[in-house]
Amino acid sequence: RLEEAIDMAKKCLEWSPKAWKGWESLAYFDLAMAEAPKKHADPKKVDQTMEKGLSLCRERGQGLHLAQGYFEYANILFDRGDLYKAQNYLEQAIALFSEMNMPWWLEQARELEKR
């Protein structure tokens, strides 16, 4: 199933510049989230993929996607055991979720914070 998710994310990245430019960042996030749990995942590659998505969100002013990207990256980092970096991204997600009045996402972030 992970391989299917990876293939779909790659296809989205191929199509997004033409059809879904605003969604390109989410395809990067999906690709990183599908790669991260693999047994022999390359953490640097996962980090670079997440950073590409986050960078696009910042450049395009996509606050909602940026907040979700921070949240998902924090999840990946918590799973990897990089607690300091995970907490940093989670705090950024919480700040944006609060600022944008997104209670469901804020609740999810607060639950992740308890890990």
N, C-alpha and C. Protein backbone atom coordinates (compact mmCIF):
# COMPACT_ATOMS: atom_id res chain seq x y z
N ARG A 1 0.81 -1.19 0.00
CA ARG A 1 0.00 0.00 0.00
C ARG A 1 0.86 1.27 0.00
N LEU A 2 1.98 1.20 0.70
CA LEU A 2 2.87 2.37 0.70
C LEU A 2 3.38 2.67 -0.70
N GLU A 3 3.70 1.61 -1.44
CA GLU A 3 4.20 1.81 -2.80
C GLU A 3 3.14 2.46 -3.68
N GLU A 4 1.87 2.09 -3.49
CA GLU A 4 0.78 2.72 -4.25
C GLU A 4 0.67 4.20 -3.91
N ALA A 5 0.79 4.51 -2.62
CA ALA A 5 0.72 5.91 -2.19
C ALA A 5 1.88 6.71 -2.77
N ILE A 6 3.05 6.11 -2.79
CA ILE A 6 4.23 6.78 -3.35
C ILE A 6 4.03 7.04 -4.84
N ASP A 7 3.54 6.03 -5.55
CA ASP A 7 3.29 6.19 -6.99
C ASP A 7 2.27 7.29 -7.25
N MET A 8 1.21 7.33 -6.47
CA MET A 8 0.17 8.36 -6.67
C MET A 8 0.73 9.75 -6.37
N ALA A 9 1.51 9.89 -5.32
CA ALA A 9 2.10 11.19 -4.99
C ALA A 9 3.03 11.65 -6.11
N LYS A 10 3.80 10.73 -6.65
CA LYS A 10 4.70 11.08 -7.76
C LYS A 10 3.90 11.52 -8.99
N LYS A 11 2.80 10.84 -9.27
CA LYS A 11 1.96 11.24 -10.40
C LYS A 11 1.36 12.62 -10.17
N CYS A 12 0.94 12.89 -8.95
CA CYS A 12 0.41 14.22 -8.62
C CYS A 12 1.47 15.30 -8.84
N LEU A 13 2.70 14.99 -8.49
CA LEU A 13 3.78 15.96 -8.70
C LEU A 13 4.02 16.20 -10.18
N GLU A 14 3.85 15.18 -11.00
CA GLU A 14 3.99 15.35 -12.44
C GLU A 14 2.88 16.23 -13.00
N TRP A 15 1.66 16.02 -12.52
CA TRP A 15 0.49 16.73 -13.05
C TRP A 15 0.29 18.10 -12.43
N SER A 16 0.69 18.28 -11.20
CA SER A 16 0.34 19.50 -10.46
C SER A 16 0.81 20.80 -11.11
N PRO A 17 1.99 20.87 -11.69
CA PRO A 17 2.36 22.15 -12.31
C PRO A 17 1.42 22.55 -13.45
N LYS A 18 0.80 21.57 -14.07
CA LYS A 18 -0.10 21.86 -15.19
C LYS A 18 -1.52 22.09 -14.71
N ALA A 19 -2.00 21.25 -13.82
CA ALA A 19 -3.42 21.26 -13.46
C ALA A 19 -3.72 21.74 -12.05
N TRP A 20 -2.90 21.36 -11.08
CA TRP A 20 -3.21 21.62 -9.68
C TRP A 20 -2.07 22.32 -8.97
N LYS A 21 -1.61 23.39 -9.52
CA LYS A 21 -0.42 24.05 -8.98
C LYS A 21 -0.52 24.32 -7.48
N GLY A 22 -1.67 24.71 -7.01
CA GLY A 22 -1.84 25.00 -5.59
C GLY A 22 -1.76 23.79 -4.69
N TRP A 23 -1.87 22.60 -5.27
CA TRP A 23 -1.86 21.37 -4.49
C TRP A 23 -0.52 20.65 -4.53
N GLU A 24 0.42 21.21 -5.22
CA GLU A 24 1.73 20.58 -5.37
C GLU A 24 2.39 20.29 -4.01
N SER A 25 2.26 21.23 -3.09
CA SER A 25 2.87 21.05 -1.77
C SER A 25 2.30 19.82 -1.06
N LEU A 26 1.00 19.60 -1.22
CA LEU A 26 0.39 18.43 -0.57
C LEU A 26 0.92 17.13 -1.15
N ALA A 27 1.22 17.12 -2.43
CA ALA A 27 1.80 15.92 -3.04
C ALA A 27 3.17 15.63 -2.44
N TYR A 28 3.95 16.68 -2.19
CA TYR A 28 5.25 16.48 -1.52
C TYR A 28 5.04 15.90 -0.12
N PHE A 29 4.06 16.45 0.61
CA PHE A 29 3.80 15.93 1.96
C PHE A 29 3.38 14.47 1.91
N ASP A 30 2.48 14.14 0.97
CA ASP A 30 2.02 12.76 0.85
C ASP A 30 3.18 11.81 0.52
N LEU A 31 4.05 12.26 -0.36
CA LEU A 31 5.20 11.44 -0.73
C LEU A 31 6.10 11.18 0.48
N ALA A 32 6.38 12.22 1.24
CA ALA A 32 7.23 12.06 2.43
C ALA A 32 6.56 11.17 3.48
N MET A 33 5.25 11.35 3.67
CA MET A 33 4.54 10.53 4.67
C MET A 33 4.49 9.07 4.25
N ALA A 34 4.45 8.79 2.95
CA ALA A 34 4.44 7.41 2.48
C ALA A 34 5.84 6.79 2.55
N GLU A 35 6.87 7.59 2.34
CA GLU A 35 8.25 7.09 2.39
C GLU A 35 8.72 6.87 3.83
N ALA A 36 8.34 7.75 4.73
CA ALA A 36 8.89 7.76 6.09
C ALA A 36 8.77 6.43 6.84
N PRO A 37 7.62 5.75 6.79
CA PRO A 37 7.52 4.51 7.57
C PRO A 37 8.17 3.28 6.94
N LYS A 38 8.69 3.43 5.74
CA LYS A 38 9.33 2.28 5.09
C LYS A 38 10.55 1.84 5.90
N LYS A 39 10.81 0.57 5.90
CA LYS A 39 11.89 -0.01 6.71
C LYS A 39 13.24 0.63 6.43
N HIS A 40 13.55 0.88 5.17
CA HIS A 40 14.85 1.44 4.82
C HIS A 40 14.71 2.86 4.27
N ALA A 41 13.79 3.61 4.84
CA ALA A 41 13.59 4.99 4.38
C ALA A 41 14.84 5.82 4.65
N ASP A 42 15.13 6.71 3.73
CA ASP A 42 16.26 7.63 3.88
C ASP A 42 15.74 8.90 4.56
N PRO A 43 16.09 9.12 5.83
CA PRO A 43 15.57 10.28 6.55
C PRO A 43 15.89 11.61 5.86
N LYS A 44 17.07 11.72 5.25
CA LYS A 44 17.41 12.95 4.55
C LYS A 44 16.48 13.20 3.37
N LYS A 45 16.17 12.15 2.65
CA LYS A 45 15.27 12.27 1.50
C LYS A 45 13.87 12.66 1.95
N VAL A 46 13.40 12.07 3.04
CA VAL A 46 12.10 12.41 3.60
C VAL A 46 12.09 13.89 4.02
N ASP A 47 13.15 14.30 4.71
CA ASP A 47 13.25 15.70 5.16
C ASP A 47 13.26 16.66 3.97
N GLN A 48 14.02 16.33 2.95
CA GLN A 48 14.10 17.19 1.77
C GLN A 48 12.74 17.30 1.07
N THR A 49 12.02 16.20 1.02
CA THR A 49 10.71 16.20 0.39
C THR A 49 9.73 17.06 1.19
N MET A 50 9.74 16.91 2.50
CA MET A 50 8.87 17.75 3.34
C MET A 50 9.24 19.22 3.19
N GLU A 51 10.53 19.52 3.19
CA GLU A 51 10.97 20.91 3.07
C GLU A 51 10.57 21.53 1.73
N LYS A 52 10.56 20.72 0.66
CA LYS A 52 10.10 21.24 -0.63
C LYS A 52 8.65 21.68 -0.53
N GLY A 53 7.83 20.84 0.08
CA GLY A 53 6.42 21.19 0.25
C GLY A 53 6.22 22.40 1.14
N LEU A 54 6.95 22.46 2.23
CA LEU A 54 6.83 23.60 3.15
C LEU A 54 7.29 24.89 2.48
N SER A 55 8.36 24.80 1.72
CA SER A 55 8.88 25.96 1.01
C SER A 55 7.86 26.51 0.01
N LEU A 56 7.23 25.61 -0.73
CA LEU A 56 6.19 26.04 -1.67
C LEU A 56 5.04 26.74 -0.95
N CYS A 57 4.64 26.20 0.18
CA CYS A 57 3.56 26.82 0.96
C CYS A 57 3.95 28.23 1.40
N ARG A 58 5.17 28.38 1.87
CA ARG A 58 5.62 29.71 2.32
C ARG A 58 5.65 30.69 1.14
N GLU A 59 6.21 30.25 0.02
CA GLU A 59 6.30 31.11 -1.17
C GLU A 59 4.94 31.54 -1.67
N ARG A 60 3.97 30.66 -1.59
CA ARG A 60 2.64 30.92 -2.15
C ARG A 60 1.64 31.45 -1.13
N GLY A 61 2.08 31.61 0.10
CA GLY A 61 1.17 32.11 1.13
C GLY A 61 0.04 31.15 1.45
N GLN A 62 0.31 29.87 1.41
CA GLN A 62 -0.70 28.84 1.66
C GLN A 62 -0.68 28.44 3.14
N GLY A 63 -1.28 29.29 3.96
CA GLY A 63 -1.25 29.07 5.41
C GLY A 63 -1.85 27.76 5.86
N LEU A 64 -2.99 27.39 5.29
CA LEU A 64 -3.63 26.13 5.67
C LEU A 64 -2.74 24.94 5.36
N HIS A 65 -2.21 24.88 4.15
CA HIS A 65 -1.33 23.77 3.78
C HIS A 65 -0.03 23.80 4.59
N LEU A 66 0.46 24.99 4.87
CA LEU A 66 1.68 25.11 5.67
C LEU A 66 1.45 24.53 7.07
N ALA A 67 0.35 24.88 7.69
CA ALA A 67 0.04 24.37 9.02
C ALA A 67 -0.08 22.84 9.00
N GLN A 68 -0.76 22.32 7.99
CA GLN A 68 -0.91 20.87 7.88
C GLN A 68 0.45 20.21 7.63
N GLY A 69 1.29 20.85 6.84
CA GLY A 69 2.62 20.32 6.59
C GLY A 69 3.46 20.28 7.86
N TYR A 70 3.40 21.35 8.65
CA TYR A 70 4.12 21.36 9.93
C TYR A 70 3.64 20.22 10.82
N PHE A 71 2.32 20.03 10.85
CA PHE A 71 1.75 18.98 11.68
C PHE A 71 2.22 17.60 11.22
N GLU A 72 2.14 17.35 9.93
CA GLU A 72 2.54 16.04 9.41
C GLU A 72 4.04 15.80 9.58
N TYR A 73 4.83 16.85 9.41
CA TYR A 73 6.27 16.71 9.60
C TYR A 73 6.58 16.40 11.06
N ALA A 74 5.86 17.05 11.97
CA ALA A 74 6.04 16.76 13.39
C ALA A 74 5.74 15.29 13.67
N ASN A 75 4.69 14.76 13.06
CA ASN A 75 4.35 13.34 13.21
C ASN A 75 5.51 12.45 12.77
N ILE A 76 6.05 12.75 11.60
CA ILE A 76 7.18 11.97 11.07
C ILE A 76 8.37 12.03 12.03
N LEU A 77 8.66 13.23 12.52
CA LEU A 77 9.81 13.41 13.40
C LEU A 77 9.61 12.75 14.75
N PHE A 78 8.39 12.80 15.30
CA PHE A 78 8.12 12.09 16.55
C PHE A 78 8.35 10.59 16.36
N ASP A 79 7.84 10.05 15.24
CA ASP A 79 8.01 8.62 14.97
C ASP A 79 9.48 8.24 14.83
N ARG A 80 10.26 9.15 14.31
CA ARG A 80 11.70 8.93 14.11
C ARG A 80 12.48 9.10 15.41
N GLY A 81 11.87 9.75 16.40
CA GLY A 81 12.54 9.97 17.68
C GLY A 81 13.25 11.30 17.78
N ASP A 82 13.06 12.17 16.81
CA ASP A 82 13.68 13.50 16.82
C ASP A 82 12.72 14.48 17.52
N LEU A 83 12.67 14.35 18.84
CA LEU A 83 11.66 15.05 19.63
C LEU A 83 11.82 16.57 19.62
N TYR A 84 13.03 17.05 19.67
CA TYR A 84 13.25 18.50 19.69
C TYR A 84 12.74 19.15 18.40
N LYS A 85 13.13 18.59 17.28
CA LYS A 85 12.72 19.13 15.99
C LYS A 85 11.20 18.95 15.80
N ALA A 86 10.68 17.80 16.23
CA ALA A 86 9.24 17.55 16.13
C ALA A 86 8.46 18.60 16.92
N GLN A 87 8.91 18.89 18.12
CA GLN A 87 8.20 19.88 18.95
C GLN A 87 8.22 21.25 18.30
N ASN A 88 9.32 21.60 17.68
CA ASN A 88 9.44 22.88 16.99
C ASN A 88 8.38 23.00 15.88
N TYR A 89 8.29 21.98 15.05
CA TYR A 89 7.29 22.02 13.97
C TYR A 89 5.87 21.96 14.51
N LEU A 90 5.67 21.20 15.57
CA LEU A 90 4.34 21.12 16.16
C LEU A 90 3.90 22.47 16.72
N GLU A 91 4.81 23.18 17.37
CA GLU A 91 4.49 24.50 17.90
C GLU A 91 4.10 25.47 16.78
N GLN A 92 4.79 25.38 15.64
CA GLN A 92 4.44 26.23 14.50
C GLN A 92 3.05 25.86 13.97
N ALA A 93 2.75 24.57 13.92
CA ALA A 93 1.43 24.13 13.46
C ALA A 93 0.34 24.63 14.41
N ILE A 94 0.56 24.49 15.71
CA ILE A 94 -0.42 24.93 16.70
C ILE A 94 -0.67 26.42 16.58
N ALA A 95 0.40 27.19 16.40
CA ALA A 95 0.24 28.64 16.26
C ALA A 95 -0.63 28.98 15.05
N LEU A 96 -0.37 28.33 13.93
CA LEU A 96 -1.16 28.60 12.72
C LEU A 96 -2.59 28.09 12.85
N PHE A 97 -2.78 26.91 13.42
CA PHE A 97 -4.14 26.40 13.61
C PHE A 97 -4.94 27.34 14.51
N SER A 98 -4.30 27.86 15.55
CA SER A 98 -4.97 28.80 16.45
C SER A 98 -5.31 30.09 15.71
N GLU A 99 -4.33 30.62 15.00
CA GLU A 99 -4.50 31.88 14.26
C GLU A 99 -5.63 31.78 13.22
N MET A 100 -5.74 30.62 12.58
CA MET A 100 -6.75 30.44 11.52
C MET A 100 -8.06 29.88 12.06
N ASN A 101 -8.14 29.73 13.39
CA ASN A 101 -9.36 29.22 14.03
C ASN A 101 -9.78 27.87 13.44
N MET A 102 -8.90 26.91 13.59
CA MET A 102 -9.13 25.56 13.07
C MET A 102 -9.17 24.58 14.24
N PRO A 103 -10.31 24.51 14.95
CA PRO A 103 -10.38 23.73 16.19
C PRO A 103 -10.11 22.24 16.03
N TRP A 104 -10.58 21.61 14.95
CA TRP A 104 -10.34 20.18 14.80
C TRP A 104 -8.85 19.89 14.66
N TRP A 105 -8.17 20.66 13.79
CA TRP A 105 -6.73 20.48 13.61
C TRP A 105 -5.97 20.83 14.88
N LEU A 106 -6.42 21.85 15.58
CA LEU A 106 -5.76 22.23 16.83
C LEU A 106 -5.87 21.09 17.85
N GLU A 107 -7.03 20.45 17.91
CA GLU A 107 -7.20 19.31 18.81
C GLU A 107 -6.26 18.17 18.44
N GLN A 108 -6.12 17.90 17.14
CA GLN A 108 -5.20 16.85 16.69
C GLN A 108 -3.77 17.17 17.10
N ALA A 109 -3.39 18.42 16.95
CA ALA A 109 -2.04 18.84 17.31
C ALA A 109 -1.81 18.73 18.82
N ARG A 110 -2.82 19.09 19.60
CA ARG A 110 -2.70 18.97 21.06
C ARG A 110 -2.55 17.51 21.47
N GLU A 111 -3.25 16.61 20.78
CA GLU A 111 -3.10 15.18 21.06
C GLU A 111 -1.69 14.69 20.73
N LEU A 112 -1.16 15.15 19.60
CA LEU A 112 0.20 14.78 19.22
C LEU A 112 1.20 15.31 20.24
N GLU A 113 0.92 16.47 20.77
CA GLU A 113 1.79 17.11 21.75
C GLU A 113 1.95 16.24 23.01
N LYS A 114 0.96 15.42 23.31
CA LYS A 114 0.98 14.58 24.52
C LYS A 114 1.88 13.36 24.37
N ARG A 115 2.35 13.07 23.16
CA ARG A 115 3.18 11.89 22.92
C ARG A 115 4.49 11.96 23.64
